[in-house]
Amino acid sequence: MRKTNYLFAAMLCALFLVSPMSHAQTKWKSDPVHSNIQFEVDHLAISTVIGNFSEFVCDVESKRNSFEGAKIEAVVQVSSLSTKNLTRDKHLKEDDFFNAEKYPVMTFRSESFVKKSDKEYVITGWLTIRDVTKKVSFPAEYSGMAKLGDKTISAFKANFVINRFDYNLTWNDTLDTGSLVVGEDVNVKMNLELIKI
């Protein structure tokens, strides 16, 4: 009888160790007040235009105690683009660039989230702009975790470059020197505060 009890207890322990509870996921959502997505692109080959997207949502699902292997889904509203110049913003939202009416959102869906050190990760996934989806990979710096009242907050910074022509942002007027009025490469900078939900 005692042997049977031991066997039953061992089975319960094994079930507990492989139960879904041991693989519990933590969900995070970007804090719009303390997060930003910014882009920089060369102008006239001598200066830089800086813009941002003010409306976006980034959802992250991680393991309980680590972002290793986390999953990311992000949606950016193209209409929220601003470079602090209404004429330029209108042009950027037209078909020469984003065509916000036909393609109102940009999306990113992660494929992998690899931890390199306590502060460094490499994120790989699929970026969709207009009707083009391409795989991108970029480093992300983990800034840490903090408590604010009953909130748990984590933060990441990331920086990567895309070629706008790869995503059909094809306007390409040139100067007399042959240089592009608007540069080919776009530097994307992200600062994300994630709130545990």
N, C-alpha and C. Protein backbone atom coordinates (compact mmCIF):
# COMPACT_ATOMS: atom_id res chain seq x y z
N MET A 1 0.82 -1.20 0.00
CA MET A 1 0.00 0.00 0.00
C MET A 1 0.86 1.26 0.00
N ARG A 2 1.92 1.21 0.85
CA ARG A 2 2.81 2.37 0.92
C ARG A 2 3.52 2.60 -0.40
N LYS A 3 3.92 1.49 -1.06
CA LYS A 3 4.59 1.60 -2.35
C LYS A 3 3.65 2.24 -3.38
N THR A 4 2.37 1.86 -3.33
CA THR A 4 1.38 2.44 -4.24
C THR A 4 1.24 3.93 -4.01
N ASN A 5 1.24 4.36 -2.76
CA ASN A 5 1.14 5.79 -2.44
C ASN A 5 2.34 6.56 -2.98
N TYR A 6 3.54 5.97 -2.82
CA TYR A 6 4.74 6.62 -3.33
C TYR A 6 4.68 6.77 -4.85
N LEU A 7 4.19 5.70 -5.50
CA LEU A 7 4.07 5.74 -6.97
C LEU A 7 3.08 6.81 -7.41
N PHE A 8 1.96 6.91 -6.70
CA PHE A 8 0.95 7.92 -7.02
C PHE A 8 1.51 9.33 -6.84
N ALA A 9 2.27 9.54 -5.75
CA ALA A 9 2.87 10.85 -5.47
C ALA A 9 3.87 11.22 -6.55
N ALA A 10 4.66 10.22 -6.98
CA ALA A 10 5.66 10.48 -8.03
C ALA A 10 4.98 10.88 -9.33
N MET A 11 3.86 10.22 -9.64
CA MET A 11 3.12 10.56 -10.87
C MET A 11 2.57 11.98 -10.81
N LEU A 12 2.07 12.37 -9.64
CA LEU A 12 1.56 13.74 -9.49
C LEU A 12 2.66 14.76 -9.69
N CYS A 13 3.85 14.49 -9.12
CA CYS A 13 4.98 15.41 -9.29
C CYS A 13 5.37 15.54 -10.76
N ALA A 14 5.40 14.42 -11.46
CA ALA A 14 5.76 14.44 -12.88
C ALA A 14 4.75 15.24 -13.69
N LEU A 15 3.46 15.04 -13.38
CA LEU A 15 2.43 15.80 -14.09
C LEU A 15 2.56 17.29 -13.84
N PHE A 16 2.89 17.64 -12.61
CA PHE A 16 3.05 19.06 -12.27
C PHE A 16 4.22 19.68 -13.02
N LEU A 17 5.32 18.94 -13.12
CA LEU A 17 6.52 19.47 -13.77
C LEU A 17 6.32 19.72 -15.25
N VAL A 18 5.45 18.96 -15.88
CA VAL A 18 5.24 19.15 -17.32
C VAL A 18 3.92 19.85 -17.61
N SER A 19 3.24 20.31 -16.57
CA SER A 19 1.95 20.96 -16.79
C SER A 19 2.13 22.33 -17.40
N PRO A 20 1.08 22.91 -18.01
CA PRO A 20 1.18 24.23 -18.61
C PRO A 20 1.62 25.30 -17.63
N MET A 21 1.35 25.11 -16.34
CA MET A 21 1.74 26.13 -15.36
C MET A 21 3.24 26.35 -15.36
N SER A 22 4.01 25.28 -15.61
CA SER A 22 5.45 25.41 -15.58
C SER A 22 5.97 26.15 -16.81
N HIS A 23 5.12 26.31 -17.81
CA HIS A 23 5.51 27.04 -19.02
C HIS A 23 4.67 28.31 -19.16
N ALA A 24 4.27 28.87 -18.04
CA ALA A 24 3.40 30.05 -18.06
C ALA A 24 4.04 31.19 -18.84
N GLN A 25 3.21 31.87 -19.59
CA GLN A 25 3.67 32.99 -20.40
C GLN A 25 3.32 34.31 -19.73
N THR A 26 4.19 35.29 -19.92
CA THR A 26 3.94 36.64 -19.43
C THR A 26 3.66 37.53 -20.62
N LYS A 27 2.60 38.32 -20.54
CA LYS A 27 2.23 39.21 -21.63
C LYS A 27 2.56 40.65 -21.28
N TRP A 28 3.07 41.36 -22.30
CA TRP A 28 3.46 42.75 -22.15
C TRP A 28 2.84 43.56 -23.28
N LYS A 29 2.57 44.83 -23.02
CA LYS A 29 2.06 45.74 -24.04
C LYS A 29 2.82 47.06 -23.97
N SER A 30 3.13 47.64 -25.12
CA SER A 30 3.87 48.90 -25.16
C SER A 30 3.08 50.02 -24.49
N ASP A 31 3.79 50.84 -23.75
CA ASP A 31 3.20 52.02 -23.11
C ASP A 31 3.31 53.18 -24.10
N PRO A 32 2.21 53.65 -24.67
CA PRO A 32 2.29 54.69 -25.71
C PRO A 32 2.85 56.02 -25.22
N VAL A 33 2.76 56.26 -23.93
CA VAL A 33 3.25 57.53 -23.38
C VAL A 33 4.77 57.55 -23.29
N HIS A 34 5.37 56.37 -23.11
CA HIS A 34 6.82 56.30 -22.88
C HIS A 34 7.54 55.46 -23.93
N SER A 35 6.94 55.31 -25.09
CA SER A 35 7.56 54.57 -26.19
C SER A 35 7.55 55.43 -27.44
N ASN A 36 8.50 55.20 -28.32
CA ASN A 36 8.52 55.96 -29.58
C ASN A 36 9.21 55.17 -30.68
N ILE A 37 8.77 55.44 -31.92
CA ILE A 37 9.41 54.91 -33.11
C ILE A 37 9.80 56.09 -33.98
N GLN A 38 11.09 56.21 -34.24
CA GLN A 38 11.62 57.35 -34.97
C GLN A 38 12.38 56.86 -36.21
N PHE A 39 12.40 57.69 -37.25
CA PHE A 39 13.19 57.34 -38.43
C PHE A 39 14.00 58.55 -38.88
N GLU A 40 15.13 58.27 -39.50
CA GLU A 40 16.01 59.31 -40.03
C GLU A 40 16.40 58.94 -41.46
N VAL A 41 16.40 59.94 -42.33
CA VAL A 41 16.78 59.70 -43.73
C VAL A 41 17.52 60.92 -44.25
N ASP A 42 18.53 60.69 -45.09
CA ASP A 42 19.31 61.79 -45.66
C ASP A 42 18.44 62.67 -46.55
N HIS A 43 18.72 63.97 -46.51
CA HIS A 43 18.02 64.94 -47.36
C HIS A 43 19.05 65.78 -48.10
N LEU A 44 18.95 65.79 -49.43
CA LEU A 44 19.84 66.55 -50.30
C LEU A 44 21.30 66.12 -50.16
N ALA A 45 21.51 64.94 -49.59
CA ALA A 45 22.85 64.36 -49.39
C ALA A 45 23.71 65.16 -48.43
N ILE A 46 23.12 66.14 -47.74
CA ILE A 46 23.92 66.96 -46.82
C ILE A 46 23.30 67.09 -45.43
N SER A 47 22.05 66.68 -45.27
CA SER A 47 21.39 66.85 -43.97
C SER A 47 20.48 65.65 -43.71
N THR A 48 19.74 65.73 -42.62
CA THR A 48 18.90 64.61 -42.21
C THR A 48 17.51 65.08 -41.85
N VAL A 49 16.51 64.35 -42.33
CA VAL A 49 15.13 64.58 -41.92
C VAL A 49 14.78 63.53 -40.87
N ILE A 50 14.16 63.98 -39.78
CA ILE A 50 13.77 63.09 -38.69
C ILE A 50 12.25 63.07 -38.59
N GLY A 51 11.69 61.90 -38.47
CA GLY A 51 10.24 61.76 -38.32
C GLY A 51 9.91 60.70 -37.29
N ASN A 52 8.62 60.55 -37.02
CA ASN A 52 8.20 59.52 -36.07
C ASN A 52 6.79 59.05 -36.39
N PHE A 53 6.45 57.90 -35.81
CA PHE A 53 5.09 57.37 -35.86
C PHE A 53 4.57 57.38 -34.43
N SER A 54 3.49 58.11 -34.20
CA SER A 54 3.02 58.30 -32.82
C SER A 54 1.98 57.28 -32.38
N GLU A 55 1.41 56.54 -33.33
CA GLU A 55 0.38 55.56 -32.98
C GLU A 55 0.81 54.16 -33.39
N PHE A 56 1.05 53.33 -32.39
CA PHE A 56 1.45 51.94 -32.64
C PHE A 56 1.18 51.12 -31.39
N VAL A 57 1.08 49.82 -31.61
CA VAL A 57 0.91 48.87 -30.51
C VAL A 57 1.92 47.76 -30.69
N CYS A 58 2.61 47.42 -29.61
CA CYS A 58 3.56 46.32 -29.64
C CYS A 58 3.20 45.34 -28.51
N ASP A 59 2.84 44.13 -28.87
CA ASP A 59 2.51 43.09 -27.90
C ASP A 59 3.65 42.08 -27.84
N VAL A 60 4.06 41.76 -26.62
CA VAL A 60 5.15 40.80 -26.42
C VAL A 60 4.67 39.71 -25.48
N GLU A 61 5.02 38.48 -25.83
CA GLU A 61 4.71 37.34 -24.96
C GLU A 61 6.02 36.64 -24.64
N SER A 62 6.35 36.57 -23.35
CA SER A 62 7.63 36.01 -22.94
C SER A 62 7.43 34.89 -21.93
N LYS A 63 8.52 34.18 -21.67
CA LYS A 63 8.51 33.24 -20.56
C LYS A 63 8.46 34.02 -19.26
N ARG A 64 8.14 33.33 -18.19
CA ARG A 64 7.89 34.02 -16.92
C ARG A 64 9.07 34.88 -16.48
N ASN A 65 10.30 34.36 -16.57
CA ASN A 65 11.45 35.07 -16.01
C ASN A 65 12.48 35.47 -17.05
N SER A 66 12.14 35.42 -18.32
CA SER A 66 13.13 35.72 -19.35
C SER A 66 12.45 36.15 -20.64
N PHE A 67 13.14 37.01 -21.41
CA PHE A 67 12.65 37.38 -22.74
C PHE A 67 13.23 36.45 -23.82
N GLU A 68 14.10 35.52 -23.43
CA GLU A 68 14.63 34.55 -24.38
C GLU A 68 13.46 33.82 -25.05
N GLY A 69 13.44 33.84 -26.39
CA GLY A 69 12.38 33.17 -27.12
C GLY A 69 11.05 33.89 -27.13
N ALA A 70 11.04 35.15 -26.72
CA ALA A 70 9.79 35.92 -26.69
C ALA A 70 9.21 36.08 -28.10
N LYS A 71 7.91 36.35 -28.15
CA LYS A 71 7.22 36.58 -29.41
C LYS A 71 6.72 38.02 -29.45
N ILE A 72 6.87 38.67 -30.60
CA ILE A 72 6.49 40.07 -30.75
C ILE A 72 5.53 40.22 -31.91
N GLU A 73 4.51 41.01 -31.70
CA GLU A 73 3.64 41.45 -32.79
C GLU A 73 3.44 42.95 -32.64
N ALA A 74 3.75 43.70 -33.70
CA ALA A 74 3.64 45.15 -33.65
C ALA A 74 2.85 45.65 -34.85
N VAL A 75 2.02 46.67 -34.62
CA VAL A 75 1.23 47.30 -35.68
C VAL A 75 1.41 48.81 -35.57
N VAL A 76 1.82 49.44 -36.66
CA VAL A 76 2.06 50.88 -36.70
C VAL A 76 1.06 51.53 -37.65
N GLN A 77 0.41 52.58 -37.19
CA GLN A 77 -0.53 53.33 -38.02
C GLN A 77 0.23 54.33 -38.89
N VAL A 78 0.22 54.13 -40.20
CA VAL A 78 0.98 54.99 -41.11
C VAL A 78 0.49 56.43 -41.04
N SER A 79 -0.80 56.64 -40.81
CA SER A 79 -1.36 58.00 -40.78
C SER A 79 -0.80 58.84 -39.63
N SER A 80 -0.16 58.19 -38.66
CA SER A 80 0.39 58.93 -37.52
C SER A 80 1.79 59.48 -37.79
N LEU A 81 2.27 59.28 -39.01
CA LEU A 81 3.60 59.78 -39.40
C LEU A 81 3.67 61.29 -39.27
N SER A 82 4.78 61.80 -38.75
CA SER A 82 5.00 63.25 -38.67
C SER A 82 6.48 63.57 -38.78
N THR A 83 6.78 64.55 -39.64
CA THR A 83 8.13 65.11 -39.73
C THR A 83 8.12 66.61 -39.39
N LYS A 84 7.00 67.04 -38.80
CA LYS A 84 6.80 68.45 -38.41
C LYS A 84 6.75 69.38 -39.61
N ASN A 85 6.32 68.84 -40.76
CA ASN A 85 6.11 69.64 -41.95
C ASN A 85 4.91 69.06 -42.69
N LEU A 86 3.79 69.78 -42.71
CA LEU A 86 2.54 69.23 -43.23
C LEU A 86 2.62 68.86 -44.71
N THR A 87 3.33 69.67 -45.50
CA THR A 87 3.46 69.38 -46.93
C THR A 87 4.24 68.10 -47.15
N ARG A 88 5.34 67.97 -46.44
CA ARG A 88 6.16 66.76 -46.57
C ARG A 88 5.41 65.53 -46.05
N ASP A 89 4.71 65.70 -44.93
CA ASP A 89 3.96 64.57 -44.37
C ASP A 89 2.89 64.08 -45.34
N LYS A 90 2.21 65.02 -45.99
CA LYS A 90 1.18 64.66 -46.97
C LYS A 90 1.80 63.85 -48.11
N HIS A 91 2.97 64.30 -48.59
CA HIS A 91 3.65 63.59 -49.68
C HIS A 91 4.06 62.18 -49.24
N LEU A 92 4.58 62.05 -48.04
CA LEU A 92 5.03 60.75 -47.54
C LEU A 92 3.87 59.76 -47.42
N LYS A 93 2.67 60.26 -47.20
CA LYS A 93 1.50 59.39 -47.06
C LYS A 93 0.85 59.05 -48.40
N GLU A 94 1.35 59.66 -49.48
CA GLU A 94 0.83 59.39 -50.81
C GLU A 94 1.55 58.22 -51.45
N ASP A 95 1.18 57.88 -52.69
CA ASP A 95 1.66 56.65 -53.32
C ASP A 95 3.14 56.68 -53.66
N ASP A 96 3.77 57.86 -53.73
CA ASP A 96 5.22 57.92 -53.94
C ASP A 96 5.96 57.21 -52.81
N PHE A 97 5.33 57.20 -51.64
CA PHE A 97 5.97 56.59 -50.47
C PHE A 97 5.04 55.52 -49.86
N PHE A 98 4.37 55.84 -48.75
CA PHE A 98 3.67 54.81 -47.97
C PHE A 98 2.28 54.45 -48.50
N ASN A 99 1.63 55.37 -49.20
CA ASN A 99 0.24 55.17 -49.64
C ASN A 99 -0.62 54.73 -48.45
N ALA A 100 -0.77 55.64 -47.49
CA ALA A 100 -1.47 55.34 -46.25
C ALA A 100 -2.93 54.95 -46.46
N GLU A 101 -3.53 55.43 -47.54
CA GLU A 101 -4.93 55.10 -47.79
C GLU A 101 -5.08 53.62 -48.15
N LYS A 102 -4.19 53.11 -48.99
CA LYS A 102 -4.28 51.71 -49.42
C LYS A 102 -3.62 50.75 -48.43
N TYR A 103 -2.54 51.24 -47.80
CA TYR A 103 -1.79 50.41 -46.85
C TYR A 103 -1.69 51.14 -45.51
N PRO A 104 -2.76 51.11 -44.73
CA PRO A 104 -2.83 51.96 -43.52
C PRO A 104 -1.94 51.54 -42.37
N VAL A 105 -1.41 50.32 -42.41
CA VAL A 105 -0.56 49.87 -41.29
C VAL A 105 0.72 49.24 -41.80
N MET A 106 1.76 49.32 -40.96
CA MET A 106 2.97 48.53 -41.10
C MET A 106 2.96 47.52 -39.97
N THR A 107 3.52 46.33 -40.21
CA THR A 107 3.50 45.31 -39.17
C THR A 107 4.87 44.66 -39.02
N PHE A 108 5.10 44.13 -37.83
CA PHE A 108 6.29 43.31 -37.57
C PHE A 108 5.87 42.12 -36.73
N ARG A 109 6.30 40.94 -37.15
CA ARG A 109 6.03 39.71 -36.41
C ARG A 109 7.36 38.97 -36.24
N SER A 110 7.72 38.70 -35.00
CA SER A 110 9.02 38.08 -34.74
C SER A 110 9.05 36.61 -35.12
N GLU A 111 10.22 36.14 -35.49
CA GLU A 111 10.47 34.73 -35.75
C GLU A 111 11.36 34.14 -34.66
N SER A 112 12.31 34.96 -34.15
CA SER A 112 13.17 34.52 -33.06
C SER A 112 13.59 35.72 -32.22
N PHE A 113 13.91 35.43 -30.95
CA PHE A 113 14.30 36.46 -29.98
C PHE A 113 15.42 35.82 -29.15
N VAL A 114 16.66 36.06 -29.56
CA VAL A 114 17.80 35.31 -29.04
C VAL A 114 18.59 36.15 -28.04
N LYS A 115 18.83 35.60 -26.88
CA LYS A 115 19.60 36.28 -25.85
C LYS A 115 21.09 36.08 -26.08
N LYS A 116 21.85 37.18 -26.17
CA LYS A 116 23.29 37.12 -26.34
C LYS A 116 24.02 37.38 -25.02
N SER A 117 23.42 38.22 -24.18
CA SER A 117 23.97 38.51 -22.85
C SER A 117 22.82 39.05 -22.01
N ASP A 118 23.10 39.46 -20.78
CA ASP A 118 22.04 39.98 -19.92
C ASP A 118 21.37 41.21 -20.51
N LYS A 119 22.09 41.96 -21.34
CA LYS A 119 21.57 43.21 -21.89
C LYS A 119 21.37 43.17 -23.40
N GLU A 120 21.80 42.13 -24.04
CA GLU A 120 21.78 42.10 -25.50
C GLU A 120 20.95 40.94 -26.06
N TYR A 121 20.10 41.26 -26.98
CA TYR A 121 19.30 40.28 -27.70
C TYR A 121 19.42 40.54 -29.20
N VAL A 122 19.13 39.54 -29.99
CA VAL A 122 19.01 39.72 -31.44
C VAL A 122 17.60 39.26 -31.83
N ILE A 123 16.88 40.16 -32.47
CA ILE A 123 15.50 39.89 -32.86
C ILE A 123 15.44 39.72 -34.37
N THR A 124 14.81 38.67 -34.82
CA THR A 124 14.62 38.41 -36.25
C THR A 124 13.12 38.22 -36.50
N GLY A 125 12.66 38.81 -37.59
CA GLY A 125 11.23 38.67 -37.89
C GLY A 125 10.88 39.24 -39.24
N TRP A 126 9.59 39.37 -39.46
CA TRP A 126 9.06 39.78 -40.77
C TRP A 126 8.44 41.17 -40.68
N LEU A 127 9.02 42.08 -41.45
CA LEU A 127 8.56 43.47 -41.51
C LEU A 127 7.76 43.68 -42.79
N THR A 128 6.54 44.18 -42.63
CA THR A 128 5.69 44.45 -43.79
C THR A 128 5.44 45.95 -43.90
N ILE A 129 5.79 46.50 -45.04
CA ILE A 129 5.51 47.90 -45.39
C ILE A 129 4.88 47.90 -46.77
N ARG A 130 3.76 48.60 -46.92
CA ARG A 130 2.97 48.53 -48.15
C ARG A 130 2.62 47.07 -48.41
N ASP A 131 2.93 46.56 -49.60
CA ASP A 131 2.59 45.18 -49.96
C ASP A 131 3.83 44.29 -49.98
N VAL A 132 4.88 44.71 -49.28
CA VAL A 132 6.14 43.97 -49.28
C VAL A 132 6.44 43.47 -47.86
N THR A 133 6.79 42.19 -47.76
CA THR A 133 7.21 41.61 -46.48
C THR A 133 8.61 41.06 -46.63
N LYS A 134 9.51 41.49 -45.74
CA LYS A 134 10.90 41.03 -45.80
C LYS A 134 11.39 40.68 -44.40
N LYS A 135 12.31 39.72 -44.35
CA LYS A 135 12.91 39.35 -43.07
C LYS A 135 13.97 40.37 -42.69
N VAL A 136 13.94 40.80 -41.44
CA VAL A 136 14.95 41.71 -40.91
C VAL A 136 15.48 41.13 -39.60
N SER A 137 16.71 41.46 -39.27
CA SER A 137 17.33 41.03 -38.03
C SER A 137 18.10 42.20 -37.45
N PHE A 138 17.94 42.42 -36.15
CA PHE A 138 18.59 43.59 -35.55
C PHE A 138 18.87 43.35 -34.07
N PRO A 139 19.90 44.02 -33.53
CA PRO A 139 20.19 43.91 -32.10
C PRO A 139 19.22 44.76 -31.28
N ALA A 140 18.92 44.30 -30.08
CA ALA A 140 18.07 45.05 -29.16
C ALA A 140 18.74 45.08 -27.79
N GLU A 141 18.77 46.25 -27.20
CA GLU A 141 19.38 46.42 -25.88
C GLU A 141 18.29 46.38 -24.80
N TYR A 142 18.43 45.46 -23.87
CA TYR A 142 17.50 45.36 -22.77
C TYR A 142 17.93 46.31 -21.66
N SER A 143 17.06 47.25 -21.32
CA SER A 143 17.41 48.28 -20.34
C SER A 143 17.11 47.88 -18.91
N GLY A 144 16.32 46.82 -18.73
CA GLY A 144 16.04 46.36 -17.37
C GLY A 144 14.56 46.35 -17.05
N MET A 145 14.27 46.10 -15.78
CA MET A 145 12.90 45.98 -15.30
C MET A 145 12.74 46.82 -14.05
N ALA A 146 11.55 47.43 -13.89
CA ALA A 146 11.30 48.29 -12.73
C ALA A 146 9.86 48.12 -12.27
N LYS A 147 9.62 48.46 -11.03
CA LYS A 147 8.28 48.46 -10.47
C LYS A 147 7.84 49.90 -10.25
N LEU A 148 6.60 50.20 -10.65
CA LEU A 148 6.02 51.51 -10.42
C LEU A 148 4.61 51.30 -9.88
N GLY A 149 4.46 51.40 -8.57
CA GLY A 149 3.19 51.06 -7.95
C GLY A 149 2.93 49.59 -8.14
N ASP A 150 1.78 49.28 -8.74
CA ASP A 150 1.44 47.87 -8.99
C ASP A 150 1.81 47.44 -10.41
N LYS A 151 2.57 48.29 -11.13
CA LYS A 151 2.97 47.97 -12.50
C LYS A 151 4.39 47.42 -12.54
N THR A 152 4.59 46.44 -13.42
CA THR A 152 5.93 45.94 -13.73
C THR A 152 6.26 46.39 -15.15
N ILE A 153 7.42 47.05 -15.30
CA ILE A 153 7.78 47.67 -16.57
C ILE A 153 9.15 47.17 -17.03
N SER A 154 9.26 46.81 -18.30
CA SER A 154 10.54 46.48 -18.93
C SER A 154 10.76 47.42 -20.10
N ALA A 155 12.01 47.52 -20.53
CA ALA A 155 12.32 48.47 -21.61
C ALA A 155 13.40 47.91 -22.54
N PHE A 156 13.23 48.22 -23.83
CA PHE A 156 14.19 47.83 -24.86
C PHE A 156 14.48 49.03 -25.76
N LYS A 157 15.70 49.03 -26.31
CA LYS A 157 16.07 49.98 -27.36
C LYS A 157 16.58 49.19 -28.55
N ALA A 158 16.23 49.64 -29.75
CA ALA A 158 16.70 48.95 -30.96
C ALA A 158 16.94 49.96 -32.06
N ASN A 159 17.83 49.61 -32.95
CA ASN A 159 18.23 50.51 -34.03
C ASN A 159 18.61 49.65 -35.23
N PHE A 160 17.98 49.90 -36.40
CA PHE A 160 18.35 49.14 -37.59
C PHE A 160 18.09 49.98 -38.84
N VAL A 161 18.63 49.54 -39.96
CA VAL A 161 18.55 50.27 -41.22
C VAL A 161 17.82 49.41 -42.25
N ILE A 162 16.91 50.04 -42.98
CA ILE A 162 16.27 49.38 -44.12
C ILE A 162 16.48 50.23 -45.37
N ASN A 163 16.42 49.58 -46.51
CA ASN A 163 16.45 50.28 -47.79
C ASN A 163 15.00 50.53 -48.22
N ARG A 164 14.62 51.79 -48.35
CA ARG A 164 13.22 52.10 -48.64
C ARG A 164 12.77 51.57 -49.99
N PHE A 165 13.68 51.46 -50.94
CA PHE A 165 13.31 50.93 -52.26
C PHE A 165 12.88 49.46 -52.16
N ASP A 166 13.39 48.74 -51.17
CA ASP A 166 13.00 47.34 -50.98
C ASP A 166 11.51 47.21 -50.65
N TYR A 167 10.92 48.30 -50.13
CA TYR A 167 9.52 48.27 -49.70
C TYR A 167 8.62 49.15 -50.59
N ASN A 168 9.07 49.40 -51.80
CA ASN A 168 8.29 50.16 -52.79
C ASN A 168 8.01 51.60 -52.37
N LEU A 169 8.90 52.18 -51.57
CA LEU A 169 8.85 53.63 -51.29
C LEU A 169 9.78 54.25 -52.32
N THR A 170 9.29 54.44 -53.54
CA THR A 170 10.16 54.52 -54.71
C THR A 170 10.43 55.93 -55.25
N TRP A 171 9.88 56.96 -54.61
CA TRP A 171 10.14 58.31 -55.13
C TRP A 171 11.64 58.56 -55.15
N ASN A 172 12.17 59.04 -56.31
CA ASN A 172 13.63 59.08 -56.45
C ASN A 172 14.13 60.28 -57.24
N ASP A 173 13.57 61.46 -56.99
CA ASP A 173 14.10 62.65 -57.64
C ASP A 173 15.57 62.83 -57.28
N THR A 174 16.33 63.35 -58.23
CA THR A 174 17.76 63.52 -58.02
C THR A 174 18.18 64.98 -58.13
N LEU A 175 19.32 65.28 -57.55
CA LEU A 175 19.93 66.61 -57.67
C LEU A 175 20.77 66.67 -58.95
N ASP A 176 21.26 67.86 -59.28
CA ASP A 176 22.12 68.00 -60.46
C ASP A 176 23.38 67.15 -60.33
N THR A 177 23.78 66.88 -59.09
CA THR A 177 24.97 66.07 -58.85
C THR A 177 24.71 64.58 -59.03
N GLY A 178 23.44 64.21 -59.16
CA GLY A 178 23.08 62.81 -59.27
C GLY A 178 22.67 62.17 -57.96
N SER A 179 22.86 62.89 -56.86
CA SER A 179 22.47 62.37 -55.55
C SER A 179 20.95 62.42 -55.39
N LEU A 180 20.42 61.51 -54.60
CA LEU A 180 18.99 61.47 -54.34
C LEU A 180 18.57 62.63 -53.42
N VAL A 181 17.41 63.22 -53.72
CA VAL A 181 16.86 64.24 -52.83
C VAL A 181 16.56 63.62 -51.46
N VAL A 182 15.97 62.42 -51.48
CA VAL A 182 15.71 61.66 -50.25
C VAL A 182 16.56 60.41 -50.29
N GLY A 183 17.31 60.16 -49.25
CA GLY A 183 18.24 59.04 -49.22
C GLY A 183 17.57 57.68 -49.38
N GLU A 184 18.38 56.71 -49.74
CA GLU A 184 17.90 55.35 -49.96
C GLU A 184 17.74 54.58 -48.66
N ASP A 185 18.67 54.76 -47.75
CA ASP A 185 18.64 54.05 -46.47
C ASP A 185 17.87 54.84 -45.41
N VAL A 186 17.08 54.13 -44.63
CA VAL A 186 16.30 54.74 -43.55
C VAL A 186 16.74 54.10 -42.23
N ASN A 187 17.16 54.94 -41.30
CA ASN A 187 17.58 54.47 -39.99
C ASN A 187 16.38 54.50 -39.05
N VAL A 188 16.01 53.34 -38.51
CA VAL A 188 14.85 53.22 -37.63
C VAL A 188 15.33 53.07 -36.19
N LYS A 189 14.78 53.89 -35.30
CA LYS A 189 15.14 53.83 -33.89
C LYS A 189 13.88 53.61 -33.06
N MET A 190 13.96 52.65 -32.15
CA MET A 190 12.79 52.34 -31.31
C MET A 190 13.19 52.36 -29.83
N ASN A 191 12.36 52.98 -29.03
CA ASN A 191 12.46 52.93 -27.57
C ASN A 191 11.13 52.44 -27.05
N LEU A 192 11.13 51.27 -26.43
CA LEU A 192 9.88 50.67 -26.00
C LEU A 192 9.87 50.44 -24.49
N GLU A 193 8.85 50.97 -23.84
CA GLU A 193 8.54 50.59 -22.47
C GLU A 193 7.37 49.62 -22.54
N LEU A 194 7.54 48.48 -21.92
CA LEU A 194 6.53 47.43 -21.96
C LEU A 194 5.93 47.25 -20.57
N ILE A 195 4.61 47.28 -20.49
CA ILE A 195 3.93 47.10 -19.22
C ILE A 195 3.39 45.67 -19.15
N LYS A 196 3.67 45.01 -18.06
CA LYS A 196 3.16 43.64 -17.85
C LYS A 196 1.66 43.70 -17.66
N ILE A 197 0.92 42.83 -18.39
CA ILE A 197 -0.54 42.86 -18.31
C ILE A 197 -1.07 41.52 -17.83
